[in-house]
Protein backbone atom coordinates (compact mmCIF):
# COMPACT_ATOMS: atom_id res chain seq x y z
CA UNK A 1 65.34 -31.54 23.53
CA UNK A 2 64.19 -32.03 19.97
CA UNK A 3 63.29 -29.30 17.53
CA UNK A 4 60.89 -29.27 14.57
CA UNK A 5 62.60 -28.60 11.27
CA UNK A 6 60.62 -26.86 8.54
CA UNK A 7 62.01 -27.76 5.12
CA UNK A 8 61.97 -26.11 1.73
CA UNK A 9 62.16 -28.20 -1.44
CA UNK A 10 64.01 -27.08 -4.55
CA UNK A 11 63.44 -28.88 -7.86
CA UNK A 12 66.84 -29.50 -9.42
CA UNK A 13 68.27 -31.38 -12.36
CA UNK A 14 70.20 -34.43 -11.21
CA UNK A 15 72.90 -35.49 -13.66
CA UNK A 16 72.95 -39.28 -14.15
CA UNK A 17 75.57 -39.28 -16.90
CA UNK A 18 77.78 -36.70 -18.56
CA UNK A 19 80.47 -38.11 -20.80
CA UNK A 20 81.46 -39.64 -24.12
CA UNK A 21 81.79 -43.13 -25.54
CA UNK A 22 83.83 -43.95 -28.62
CA UNK A 23 82.32 -45.86 -31.54
CA UNK A 24 84.75 -47.55 -33.99
CA UNK A 25 84.38 -47.52 -37.77
CA UNK A 26 86.09 -50.32 -39.73
CA UNK A 27 84.81 -51.06 -43.22
CA UNK A 28 86.12 -52.47 -46.49
CA UNK A 29 84.63 -50.82 -49.55
CA UNK A 30 84.32 -52.35 -53.00
CA UNK A 31 83.19 -49.83 -55.58
CA UNK A 32 80.07 -50.86 -57.53
CA UNK A 33 80.23 -51.26 -61.31
CA UNK A 34 78.73 -47.85 -62.03
CA UNK A 35 81.61 -46.08 -60.24
CA UNK A 36 84.83 -45.27 -62.06
CA UNK A 37 88.22 -46.43 -60.82
CA UNK A 38 90.15 -44.45 -58.24
CA UNK A 39 93.21 -42.55 -59.34
CA UNK A 40 93.66 -40.60 -56.10
CA UNK A 41 91.62 -40.07 -52.93
CA UNK A 42 90.89 -36.39 -52.26
CA UNK A 43 88.82 -36.52 -49.08
CA UNK A 44 87.37 -39.19 -46.82
CA UNK A 45 85.10 -38.30 -43.90
CA UNK A 46 82.65 -39.93 -41.50
CA UNK A 47 79.29 -38.22 -40.96
CA UNK A 48 77.52 -39.81 -37.95
CA UNK A 49 73.98 -39.01 -36.80
CA UNK A 50 71.84 -40.04 -33.82
CA UNK A 51 68.36 -41.17 -34.84
CA UNK A 52 66.88 -42.18 -31.47
CA UNK A 53 67.54 -41.89 -27.74
CA UNK A 54 65.90 -44.12 -25.16
CA UNK A 55 66.42 -45.22 -21.56
CA UNK A 56 65.68 -48.71 -20.28
CA UNK A 57 66.26 -49.11 -16.57
CA UNK A 58 69.78 -47.84 -15.93
CA UNK A 59 70.88 -48.02 -19.57
CA UNK A 60 70.92 -45.24 -22.17
CA UNK A 61 70.49 -46.55 -25.70
CA UNK A 62 71.65 -44.43 -28.64
CA UNK A 63 70.76 -45.64 -32.12
CA UNK A 64 71.98 -44.04 -35.28
CA UNK A 65 73.81 -44.36 -38.53
CA UNK A 66 76.90 -42.99 -40.18
CA UNK A 67 77.84 -42.20 -43.75
CA UNK A 68 81.36 -42.62 -45.06
CA UNK A 69 81.81 -40.19 -47.95
CA UNK A 70 84.82 -40.46 -50.28
CA UNK A 71 85.82 -37.85 -52.86
CA UNK A 72 88.31 -39.13 -55.43
CA UNK A 73 89.66 -38.45 -58.91
CA UNK A 74 88.69 -40.62 -61.89
CA UNK A 75 91.42 -42.43 -63.91
CA UNK A 76 91.94 -39.38 -66.18
CA UNK A 77 92.42 -37.16 -63.13
CA UNK A 78 90.04 -34.47 -64.43
CA UNK A 79 86.72 -35.29 -62.77
CA UNK A 80 85.79 -35.43 -59.07
CA UNK A 81 83.81 -38.52 -58.17
CA UNK A 82 82.01 -39.28 -54.93
CA UNK A 83 81.09 -42.58 -53.35
CA UNK A 84 79.32 -43.05 -50.07
CA UNK A 85 78.25 -45.99 -47.96
CA UNK A 86 76.09 -46.18 -44.84
CA UNK A 87 75.97 -48.34 -41.75
CA UNK A 88 74.01 -48.31 -38.52
CA UNK A 89 75.09 -48.61 -34.90
CA UNK A 90 73.65 -49.10 -31.41
CA UNK A 91 75.49 -47.85 -28.34
CA UNK A 92 74.67 -48.74 -24.73
CA UNK A 93 75.78 -46.47 -21.89
CA UNK A 94 75.46 -47.35 -18.20
CA UNK A 95 73.82 -44.77 -15.90
CA UNK A 96 74.45 -44.48 -12.17
CA UNK A 97 70.83 -45.30 -11.40
CA UNK A 98 67.51 -46.09 -13.08
CA UNK A 99 65.68 -43.21 -14.74
CA UNK A 100 62.02 -43.33 -15.72
CA UNK A 101 61.67 -39.78 -16.98
CA UNK A 102 64.89 -38.10 -18.05
CA UNK A 103 66.12 -35.48 -20.50
CA UNK A 104 68.78 -36.75 -22.89
CA UNK A 105 71.01 -34.43 -24.88
CA UNK A 106 73.43 -36.14 -27.24
CA UNK A 107 75.87 -35.13 -29.94
CA UNK A 108 78.53 -36.72 -32.13
CA UNK A 109 82.17 -35.82 -32.69
CA UNK A 110 84.45 -37.41 -35.29
CA UNK A 111 87.76 -38.39 -33.71
CA UNK A 112 89.78 -39.56 -36.71
CA UNK A 113 89.48 -41.27 -40.09
CA UNK A 114 92.06 -43.07 -42.23
CA UNK A 115 91.27 -44.14 -45.78
CA UNK A 116 93.55 -46.22 -48.02
CA UNK A 117 92.99 -47.53 -51.54
CA UNK A 118 94.28 -51.12 -51.72
CA UNK A 119 93.40 -51.23 -55.43
CA UNK A 120 91.64 -48.93 -57.93
CA UNK A 121 88.34 -50.42 -56.78
CA UNK A 122 88.87 -51.28 -53.14
CA UNK A 123 89.15 -49.06 -50.06
CA UNK A 124 89.88 -49.65 -46.39
CA UNK A 125 88.38 -47.12 -43.99
CA UNK A 126 89.30 -47.01 -40.30
CA UNK A 127 88.19 -44.36 -37.84
CA UNK A 128 86.03 -43.56 -34.87
CA UNK A 129 83.54 -41.04 -33.58
CA UNK A 130 82.46 -40.19 -30.05
CA UNK A 131 78.90 -40.20 -28.77
CA UNK A 132 78.66 -37.50 -26.11
CA UNK A 133 75.56 -37.55 -23.91
CA UNK A 134 74.15 -35.85 -20.84
CA UNK A 135 71.24 -37.40 -18.94
CA UNK A 136 69.30 -35.27 -16.47
CA UNK A 137 66.36 -36.28 -14.31
CA UNK A 138 64.17 -34.14 -12.05
CA UNK A 139 65.25 -34.38 -8.42
CA UNK A 140 64.51 -32.66 -5.11
CA UNK A 141 67.00 -30.85 -2.91
CA UNK A 142 65.77 -30.23 0.64
CA UNK A 143 66.93 -27.38 2.85
CA UNK A 144 65.87 -26.34 6.38
CA UNK A 145 64.10 -22.97 6.28
CA UNK A 146 63.14 -22.69 9.98
CA UNK A 147 63.79 -24.39 13.32
CA UNK A 148 60.87 -24.33 15.75
CA UNK A 149 61.89 -23.98 19.41
CA UNK A 150 61.48 -21.37 22.13
CA UNK A 151 65.16 -21.05 23.01
CA UNK A 152 66.75 -21.36 19.56
CA UNK A 153 68.50 -18.56 17.70
CA UNK A 154 68.89 -18.92 13.94
CA UNK A 155 71.05 -17.36 11.27
CA UNK A 156 69.13 -17.32 8.00
CA UNK A 157 69.87 -16.27 4.47
CA UNK A 158 67.50 -15.47 1.65
CA UNK A 159 68.32 -16.08 -1.99
CA UNK A 160 66.68 -16.71 -5.34
CA UNK A 161 67.33 -19.89 -7.27
CA UNK A 162 66.06 -20.99 -10.65
CA UNK A 163 64.48 -24.36 -10.04
CA UNK A 164 63.82 -26.86 -12.81
CA UNK A 165 60.12 -26.69 -13.73
CA UNK A 166 60.09 -29.23 -16.55
CA UNK A 167 61.70 -30.30 -19.80
CA UNK A 168 60.81 -31.49 -23.28
CA UNK A 169 62.45 -33.52 -26.02
CA UNK A 170 60.82 -33.89 -29.38
CA UNK A 171 61.81 -34.81 -32.95
CA UNK A 172 60.17 -33.09 -35.90
CA UNK A 173 60.94 -32.41 -39.54
CA UNK A 174 60.84 -29.50 -41.97
CA UNK A 175 59.65 -30.73 -45.38
CA UNK A 176 59.94 -28.67 -48.53
CA UNK A 177 60.24 -29.14 -52.29
CA UNK A 178 63.06 -26.79 -53.28
CA UNK A 179 63.56 -25.44 -56.77
CA UNK A 180 66.90 -24.63 -58.35
CA UNK A 181 67.35 -20.92 -58.93
CA UNK A 182 67.24 -19.30 -62.34
CA UNK A 183 70.43 -19.82 -64.29
CA UNK A 184 71.33 -22.95 -62.31
CA UNK A 185 71.80 -26.12 -64.41
CA UNK A 186 69.69 -29.21 -63.62
CA UNK A 187 70.88 -31.73 -61.03
CA UNK A 188 71.84 -35.29 -61.84
CA UNK A 189 73.12 -36.41 -58.42
CA UNK A 190 73.52 -34.94 -54.93
CA UNK A 191 77.17 -35.12 -53.92
CA UNK A 192 77.11 -33.53 -50.46
CA UNK A 193 74.54 -31.94 -48.13
CA UNK A 194 75.09 -29.50 -45.26
CA UNK A 195 72.43 -28.34 -42.83
CA UNK A 196 72.21 -26.37 -39.60
CA UNK A 197 69.44 -24.80 -37.51
CA UNK A 198 69.21 -21.25 -36.13
CA UNK A 199 66.74 -20.42 -33.33
CA UNK A 200 64.99 -17.06 -33.61
CA UNK A 201 62.37 -17.01 -30.86
CA UNK A 202 60.74 -19.03 -28.10
CA UNK A 203 57.56 -18.08 -26.23
CA UNK A 204 55.45 -19.79 -23.58
CA UNK A 205 51.76 -20.14 -24.41
CA UNK A 206 49.16 -22.33 -22.65
CA UNK A 207 51.76 -24.63 -21.10
CA UNK A 208 53.62 -25.14 -24.38
CA UNK A 209 56.71 -23.70 -26.02
CA UNK A 210 56.20 -21.91 -29.32
CA UNK A 211 59.51 -21.94 -31.19
CA UNK A 212 60.52 -20.19 -34.37
CA UNK A 213 63.65 -20.75 -36.43
CA UNK A 214 65.28 -21.56 -39.74
CA UNK A 215 66.65 -24.77 -41.18
CA UNK A 216 69.48 -23.95 -43.58
CA UNK A 217 70.39 -26.46 -46.29
CA UNK A 218 73.20 -26.42 -48.81
CA UNK A 219 73.65 -28.87 -51.67
CA UNK A 220 76.70 -29.73 -53.74
CA UNK A 221 75.31 -31.49 -56.81
CA UNK A 222 76.50 -32.88 -60.13
CA UNK A 223 75.03 -31.67 -63.40
CA UNK A 224 73.99 -34.17 -66.13
CA UNK A 225 76.59 -35.64 -68.47
CA UNK A 226 79.50 -38.09 -68.34
CA UNK A 227 81.78 -35.47 -66.82
CA UNK A 228 79.17 -33.19 -65.30
CA UNK A 229 80.27 -30.13 -63.36
CA UNK A 230 79.75 -29.63 -59.63
CA UNK A 231 77.38 -26.84 -58.57
CA UNK A 232 76.13 -25.50 -55.22
CA UNK A 233 72.72 -24.26 -54.06
CA UNK A 234 71.61 -22.91 -50.67
CA UNK A 235 68.18 -22.58 -49.07
CA UNK A 236 66.72 -21.19 -45.82
CA UNK A 237 63.55 -22.91 -44.60
CA UNK A 238 61.63 -20.99 -41.91
CA UNK A 239 59.60 -23.04 -39.45
CA UNK A 240 57.49 -22.78 -36.32
CA UNK A 241 57.18 -25.71 -33.95
CA UNK A 242 55.21 -26.27 -30.75
CA UNK A 243 56.94 -28.28 -28.00
CA UNK A 244 55.02 -29.98 -25.19
CA UNK A 245 56.73 -29.16 -21.89
CA UNK A 246 55.06 -30.48 -18.74
CA UNK A 247 55.34 -28.11 -15.78
CA UNK A 248 56.02 -24.93 -17.75
CA UNK A 249 54.05 -21.81 -16.75
CA UNK A 250 54.09 -18.19 -17.84
CA UNK A 251 56.58 -17.21 -15.12
CA UNK A 252 59.21 -19.62 -16.45
CA UNK A 253 62.10 -18.96 -18.78
CA UNK A 254 63.43 -21.61 -21.13
CA UNK A 255 66.54 -22.86 -22.84
CA UNK A 256 65.91 -24.55 -26.19
CA UNK A 257 68.52 -26.45 -28.19
CA UNK A 258 67.88 -27.64 -31.73
CA UNK A 259 70.15 -29.84 -33.79
CA UNK A 260 69.93 -31.41 -37.23
CA UNK A 261 69.47 -35.17 -36.88
CA UNK A 262 69.72 -35.83 -40.61
CA UNK A 263 68.74 -34.68 -44.09
CA UNK A 264 66.97 -36.72 -46.75
CA UNK A 265 66.77 -35.30 -50.26
CA UNK A 266 65.75 -36.67 -53.65
CA UNK A 267 65.99 -35.02 -57.05
CA UNK A 268 62.63 -34.50 -58.78
CA UNK A 269 61.70 -33.57 -62.34
CA UNK A 270 59.82 -30.43 -63.26
CA UNK A 271 56.93 -30.34 -65.77
CA UNK A 272 59.38 -30.40 -68.71
CA UNK A 273 61.32 -33.39 -67.39
CA UNK A 274 64.37 -31.44 -66.17
CA UNK A 275 65.70 -32.35 -62.74
CA UNK A 276 65.30 -28.97 -61.06
CA UNK A 277 63.72 -29.84 -57.69
CA UNK A 278 65.07 -31.21 -54.41
CA UNK A 279 62.38 -32.98 -52.38
CA UNK A 280 63.92 -32.29 -48.96
CA UNK A 281 63.25 -33.37 -45.40
CA UNK A 282 65.37 -31.84 -42.62
CA UNK A 283 65.07 -33.91 -39.44
CA UNK A 284 65.47 -31.84 -36.27
CA UNK A 285 65.71 -32.88 -32.63
CA UNK A 286 64.64 -30.31 -30.05
CA UNK A 287 65.43 -30.35 -26.33
CA UNK A 288 64.14 -27.75 -23.90
CA UNK A 289 64.42 -27.03 -20.18
CA UNK A 290 62.10 -24.68 -18.30
CA UNK A 291 63.21 -22.92 -15.10
CA UNK A 292 61.15 -20.97 -12.57
CA UNK A 293 62.65 -18.32 -10.24
CA UNK A 294 62.02 -19.16 -6.59
CA UNK A 295 62.84 -17.18 -3.43
CA UNK A 296 64.01 -19.44 -0.62
CA UNK A 297 65.06 -19.00 3.01
CA UNK A 298 67.83 -21.20 4.42
CA UNK A 299 69.08 -21.74 7.97
CA UNK A 300 72.86 -21.39 7.96
CA UNK A 301 73.55 -21.79 11.66
CA UNK A 302 71.73 -22.08 14.98
CA UNK A 303 72.35 -22.28 18.72
CA UNK A 304 70.34 -22.71 21.89
CA UNK A 305 70.34 -20.01 24.56
CA UNK A 306 69.69 -22.64 27.25
CA UNK A 307 71.56 -25.86 26.37
CA UNK A 308 74.48 -27.21 24.42
CA UNK A 309 73.21 -27.89 20.89
CA UNK A 310 74.22 -30.55 18.40
CA UNK A 311 73.71 -29.33 14.84
CA UNK A 312 74.49 -31.69 11.94
CA UNK A 313 74.75 -30.30 8.41
CA UNK A 314 75.93 -31.27 4.96
CA UNK A 315 77.31 -29.10 2.22
CA UNK A 316 75.02 -29.12 -0.82
CA UNK A 317 75.42 -27.69 -4.29
CA UNK A 318 72.61 -26.60 -6.60
CA UNK A 319 73.25 -25.80 -10.25
CA UNK A 320 70.68 -23.99 -12.38
CA UNK A 321 70.46 -22.02 -15.59
CA UNK A 322 71.19 -18.32 -15.13
CA UNK A 323 71.13 -17.14 -18.74
CA UNK A 324 71.29 -18.31 -22.36
CA UNK A 325 73.41 -16.12 -24.62
CA UNK A 326 73.28 -16.32 -28.42
CA UNK A 327 75.43 -14.53 -30.97
CA UNK A 328 76.76 -14.87 -34.52
CA UNK A 329 80.43 -14.33 -35.30
CA UNK A 330 81.54 -13.77 -38.90
CA UNK A 331 85.07 -15.10 -38.74
CA UNK A 332 87.61 -14.26 -41.44
CA UNK A 333 90.47 -16.54 -42.46
CA UNK A 334 93.09 -16.49 -45.19
CA UNK A 335 94.17 -19.84 -46.63
CA UNK A 336 97.36 -19.87 -48.69
CA UNK A 337 98.13 -22.55 -51.25
CA UNK A 338 101.57 -21.81 -52.66
CA UNK A 339 102.37 -25.28 -54.02
CA UNK A 340 99.18 -25.50 -56.09
CA UNK A 341 97.63 -22.08 -56.83
CA UNK A 342 93.85 -22.07 -57.06
CA UNK A 343 92.30 -21.50 -60.48
CA UNK A 344 88.66 -22.16 -59.59
CA UNK A 345 86.75 -22.96 -56.41
CA UNK A 346 84.37 -25.93 -56.56
CA UNK A 347 83.14 -25.77 -52.96
CA UNK A 348 84.16 -24.54 -49.52
CA UNK A 349 82.55 -25.77 -46.31
CA UNK A 350 83.37 -25.82 -42.61
CA UNK A 351 83.24 -28.44 -39.88
CA UNK A 352 83.37 -27.69 -36.14
CA UNK A 353 86.13 -29.16 -34.04
CA UNK A 354 85.99 -27.75 -30.47
CA UNK A 355 85.01 -24.76 -28.34
CA UNK A 356 85.65 -23.77 -24.71
CA UNK A 357 84.53 -20.79 -22.62
CA UNK A 358 85.75 -18.84 -19.60
CA UNK A 359 83.83 -16.27 -17.52
CA UNK A 360 85.31 -13.14 -15.98
CA UNK A 361 84.24 -9.52 -15.40
CA UNK A 362 80.81 -9.96 -16.97
CA UNK A 363 82.19 -11.44 -20.18
CA UNK A 364 82.18 -14.86 -21.80
CA UNK A 365 85.49 -15.48 -23.56
CA UNK A 366 85.31 -18.22 -26.17
CA UNK A 367 88.19 -20.02 -27.83
CA UNK A 368 87.78 -22.71 -30.43
CA UNK A 369 88.81 -24.37 -33.65
CA UNK A 370 87.04 -25.35 -36.84
CA UNK A 371 88.09 -26.95 -40.13
CA UNK A 372 87.83 -25.20 -43.48
CA UNK A 373 87.50 -27.72 -46.31
CA UNK A 374 88.29 -26.59 -49.87
CA UNK A 375 87.56 -28.49 -53.08
CA UNK A 376 89.09 -26.61 -56.03
CA UNK A 377 90.82 -26.80 -59.41
CA UNK A 378 94.37 -25.60 -59.96
CA UNK A 379 95.56 -23.43 -62.82
CA UNK A 380 95.89 -26.56 -64.98
CA UNK A 381 92.22 -27.37 -64.27
CA UNK A 382 93.13 -30.44 -62.17
CA UNK A 383 90.88 -30.96 -59.12
CA UNK A 384 92.51 -31.03 -55.70
CA UNK A 385 91.45 -30.81 -52.04
CA UNK A 386 92.96 -29.25 -48.93
CA UNK A 387 91.80 -28.27 -45.46
CA UNK A 388 93.05 -26.10 -42.63
CA UNK A 389 92.35 -25.91 -38.90
CA UNK A 390 91.40 -22.33 -37.99
CA UNK A 391 91.51 -20.82 -34.48
CA UNK A 392 88.92 -18.28 -33.37
CA UNK A 393 88.22 -16.14 -30.31
CA UNK A 394 85.11 -14.20 -29.38
CA UNK A 395 83.69 -12.29 -26.40
CA UNK A 396 80.07 -11.93 -25.34
CA UNK A 397 78.53 -10.02 -22.45
CA UNK A 398 76.60 -11.75 -19.67
CA UNK A 399 74.46 -10.22 -16.93
CA UNK A 400 74.69 -13.32 -14.73
CA UNK A 401 76.49 -13.04 -11.39
CA UNK A 402 77.80 -15.46 -8.79
CA UNK A 403 79.71 -18.71 -9.10
CA UNK A 404 79.26 -19.37 -12.82
CA UNK A 405 80.29 -21.83 -15.48
CA UNK A 406 79.58 -21.77 -19.21
CA UNK A 407 78.71 -24.57 -21.62
CA UNK A 408 79.19 -23.28 -25.18
CA UNK A 409 77.90 -24.77 -28.41
CA UNK A 410 79.19 -23.46 -31.74
CA UNK A 411 77.72 -24.40 -35.12
CA UNK A 412 79.44 -23.59 -38.40
CA UNK A 413 77.00 -21.92 -40.79
CA UNK A 414 77.18 -20.12 -44.13
CA UNK A 415 80.56 -19.73 -45.86
CA UNK A 416 81.54 -17.09 -48.40
CA UNK A 417 84.90 -16.79 -50.17
CA UNK A 418 86.93 -15.27 -52.97
CA UNK A 419 90.28 -16.09 -54.54
CA UNK A 420 93.12 -13.86 -53.34
CA UNK A 421 96.52 -14.44 -54.93
CA UNK A 422 97.45 -18.09 -54.69
CA UNK A 423 94.96 -18.73 -51.86
CA UNK A 424 91.49 -17.71 -50.75
CA UNK A 425 89.88 -15.43 -48.19
CA UNK A 426 86.99 -17.09 -46.37
CA UNK A 427 84.24 -15.73 -44.13
CA UNK A 428 82.47 -18.28 -41.92
CA UNK A 429 79.36 -17.64 -39.87
CA UNK A 430 79.77 -19.22 -36.44
CA UNK A 431 76.46 -19.48 -34.59
CA UNK A 432 77.17 -19.42 -30.86
CA UNK A 433 74.88 -20.57 -28.10
CA UNK A 434 76.16 -20.50 -24.52
CA UNK A 435 74.34 -21.67 -21.40
CA UNK A 436 75.54 -19.82 -18.30
CA UNK A 437 74.97 -22.00 -15.24
CA UNK A 438 75.01 -20.64 -11.68
CA UNK A 439 76.37 -22.85 -8.90
CA UNK A 440 74.93 -22.20 -5.44
CA UNK A 441 76.57 -23.87 -2.44
CA UNK A 442 75.01 -23.89 1.03
CA UNK A 443 75.15 -25.69 4.38
CA UNK A 444 72.04 -27.85 4.67
CA UNK A 445 71.00 -28.60 8.26
CA UNK A 446 70.04 -32.27 8.66
CA UNK A 447 69.29 -32.54 12.41
CA UNK A 448 69.20 -30.35 15.52
CA UNK A 449 69.12 -31.59 19.13
CA UNK A 450 69.84 -30.00 22.50
CA UNK A 451 71.45 -31.82 25.45
CA UNK A 452 69.31 -30.89 28.48
CA UNK A 453 71.95 -32.40 30.78
CA UNK A 454 74.31 -29.62 29.75
CA UNK A 455 72.64 -26.26 30.50
CA UNK A 456 74.42 -23.05 29.57
CA UNK A 457 75.76 -21.33 32.72
CA UNK A 458 74.54 -17.75 33.05
CA UNK A 459 75.54 -14.79 35.21
CA UNK A 460 72.22 -13.41 36.46
CA UNK A 461 73.82 -10.60 38.41
CA UNK A 462 73.84 -8.22 35.42
CA UNK A 463 71.44 -7.59 32.54
CA UNK A 464 74.16 -6.20 30.24
CA UNK A 465 77.75 -7.16 29.50
CA UNK A 466 80.47 -5.00 27.90
CA UNK A 467 82.30 -6.32 24.82
CA UNK A 468 85.09 -4.62 22.86
CA UNK A 469 84.46 -5.34 19.16
CA UNK A 470 86.69 -4.91 16.12
CA UNK A 471 85.45 -3.23 12.94
CA UNK A 472 83.91 -5.78 10.58
CA UNK A 473 83.29 -8.38 13.29
CA UNK A 474 80.24 -10.60 12.81
CA UNK A 475 77.32 -9.70 15.09
CA UNK A 476 76.07 -13.29 14.81
CA UNK A 477 79.35 -14.65 16.19
CA UNK A 478 79.22 -12.21 19.09
CA UNK A 479 75.62 -13.16 19.94
CA UNK A 480 76.51 -16.85 19.71
CA UNK A 481 79.46 -16.39 22.08
CA UNK A 482 77.22 -14.79 24.74
CA UNK A 483 74.18 -17.02 24.00
CA UNK A 484 71.93 -14.08 23.28
CA UNK A 485 69.95 -12.98 20.25
CA UNK A 486 71.54 -11.17 17.35
CA UNK A 487 68.45 -8.94 17.08
CA UNK A 488 68.83 -7.72 20.67
CA UNK A 489 72.54 -6.94 20.16
CA UNK A 490 71.73 -4.92 17.04
CA UNK A 491 68.84 -3.09 18.75
CA UNK A 492 70.87 -2.24 21.86
CA UNK A 493 73.78 -0.83 19.84
CA UNK A 494 72.00 0.65 16.82
CA UNK A 495 73.63 -1.75 14.37
CA UNK A 496 71.84 -1.89 11.01
CA UNK A 497 73.78 -4.66 9.25
CA UNK A 498 75.35 -8.04 10.00
CA UNK A 499 78.75 -6.66 11.00
CA UNK A 500 80.15 -4.04 13.38
CA UNK A 501 81.03 -0.86 11.47
CA UNK A 502 83.51 0.77 13.89
CA UNK A 503 85.89 -0.54 16.52
CA UNK A 504 84.54 0.08 20.02
CA UNK A 505 82.46 -1.04 23.01
CA UNK A 506 79.18 -2.93 22.59
CA UNK A 507 76.45 -3.56 25.16
CA UNK A 508 75.45 -7.24 25.12
CA UNK A 509 71.97 -8.01 26.57
CA UNK A 510 72.14 -11.03 28.86
């Protein structure tokens, strides 16, 4: 005997790739004529960016560039100089199958960098950075919601899942001409640029996502003159941006991630000829996923009252977004510098290293590390550089329940500091964004057949049978054992739930 299976479809995100690929950096640098000789290297770092993401067949292509920035002392050892060089790269990553329409999230992580001066005008830089990517495509997970047949008994469960409704990925830029504040000296050259994005709001309107946020930019620049000083200036650029997201409706909720893909800035003159403006373009890459709550009914188990039944099933797992949690932690750190006491701070900035999260008792517990980078002058007015790895911990509340996992993302933001003794006290804003994912596992029925050559033997002499049940015993298992309906067992014995409350005799309808 064959049965008709009614199926329910759940739209899910199928992961085609989730991993990292290392990209080497090996360059020989010859300083141009306009740069002074190197007395001592203070800091060398690689700053990689991803400029484009594309998929061709079963290959993910990531294109980008990286900047190698070198801070060093001039021959007199009194002035900080900076030299930077750029190069481009293309990385190809194999996917497990072809993907025509997929969401790509990608980030970069510097692994290491070594910099050595072979002469006062030549440098060798060796290092690497990792390209970490996750590729998700829309897929369908099928589950049996009902089995049609006159003699079949079914055990069903009802649950709510958040199915993937659609996604969006879109680059855009925030353009602004920024003026130096009053009392700030003019700029002759930009030495270093930091930028990060903070999301403030996201609303669904007419099938689109209306996002609101701030792009934060910080410049370290050199003032005019042969031995110009180094100055800093910070700006916050508010923006609104509409994202096209196919499939999104008003009953959806969304997760939006924004990252800085690069900053371009040029110094401009004011009406008097002073260089007091930064013509700035902050390039941002936005990715968004929309989820829609959906109530589903699933058949967990079934049996025939008349024949031996063959039921085939597979275990399936569905993962969907349960909640997005955002918070800002102002983390304090004390950096001591006994061997070279600080006389003046030139600049302090932070760089993220790693972050992990654990979930328990309605809380997200984060642990991570970030680097604090300090460019300063000692008490003899000689520039020097040092950095420290700082550990941090933070807890956030979550309302999500079930089998959960958390994917945190921490961005280092604004930094404030003051000199304390021979070191400094630093406060760093850590902007935290954590996606809480719920994992739902169920037995998916694939086929149901009954063997009509093997009928179930029945005792027709009695309409009821006595059964001695233990407290907490499953009513479904009892009904299955006697090949009767669970509903009739519950009705005959006044059982309201799925289990037997008290130990005792039950009447089993035959």
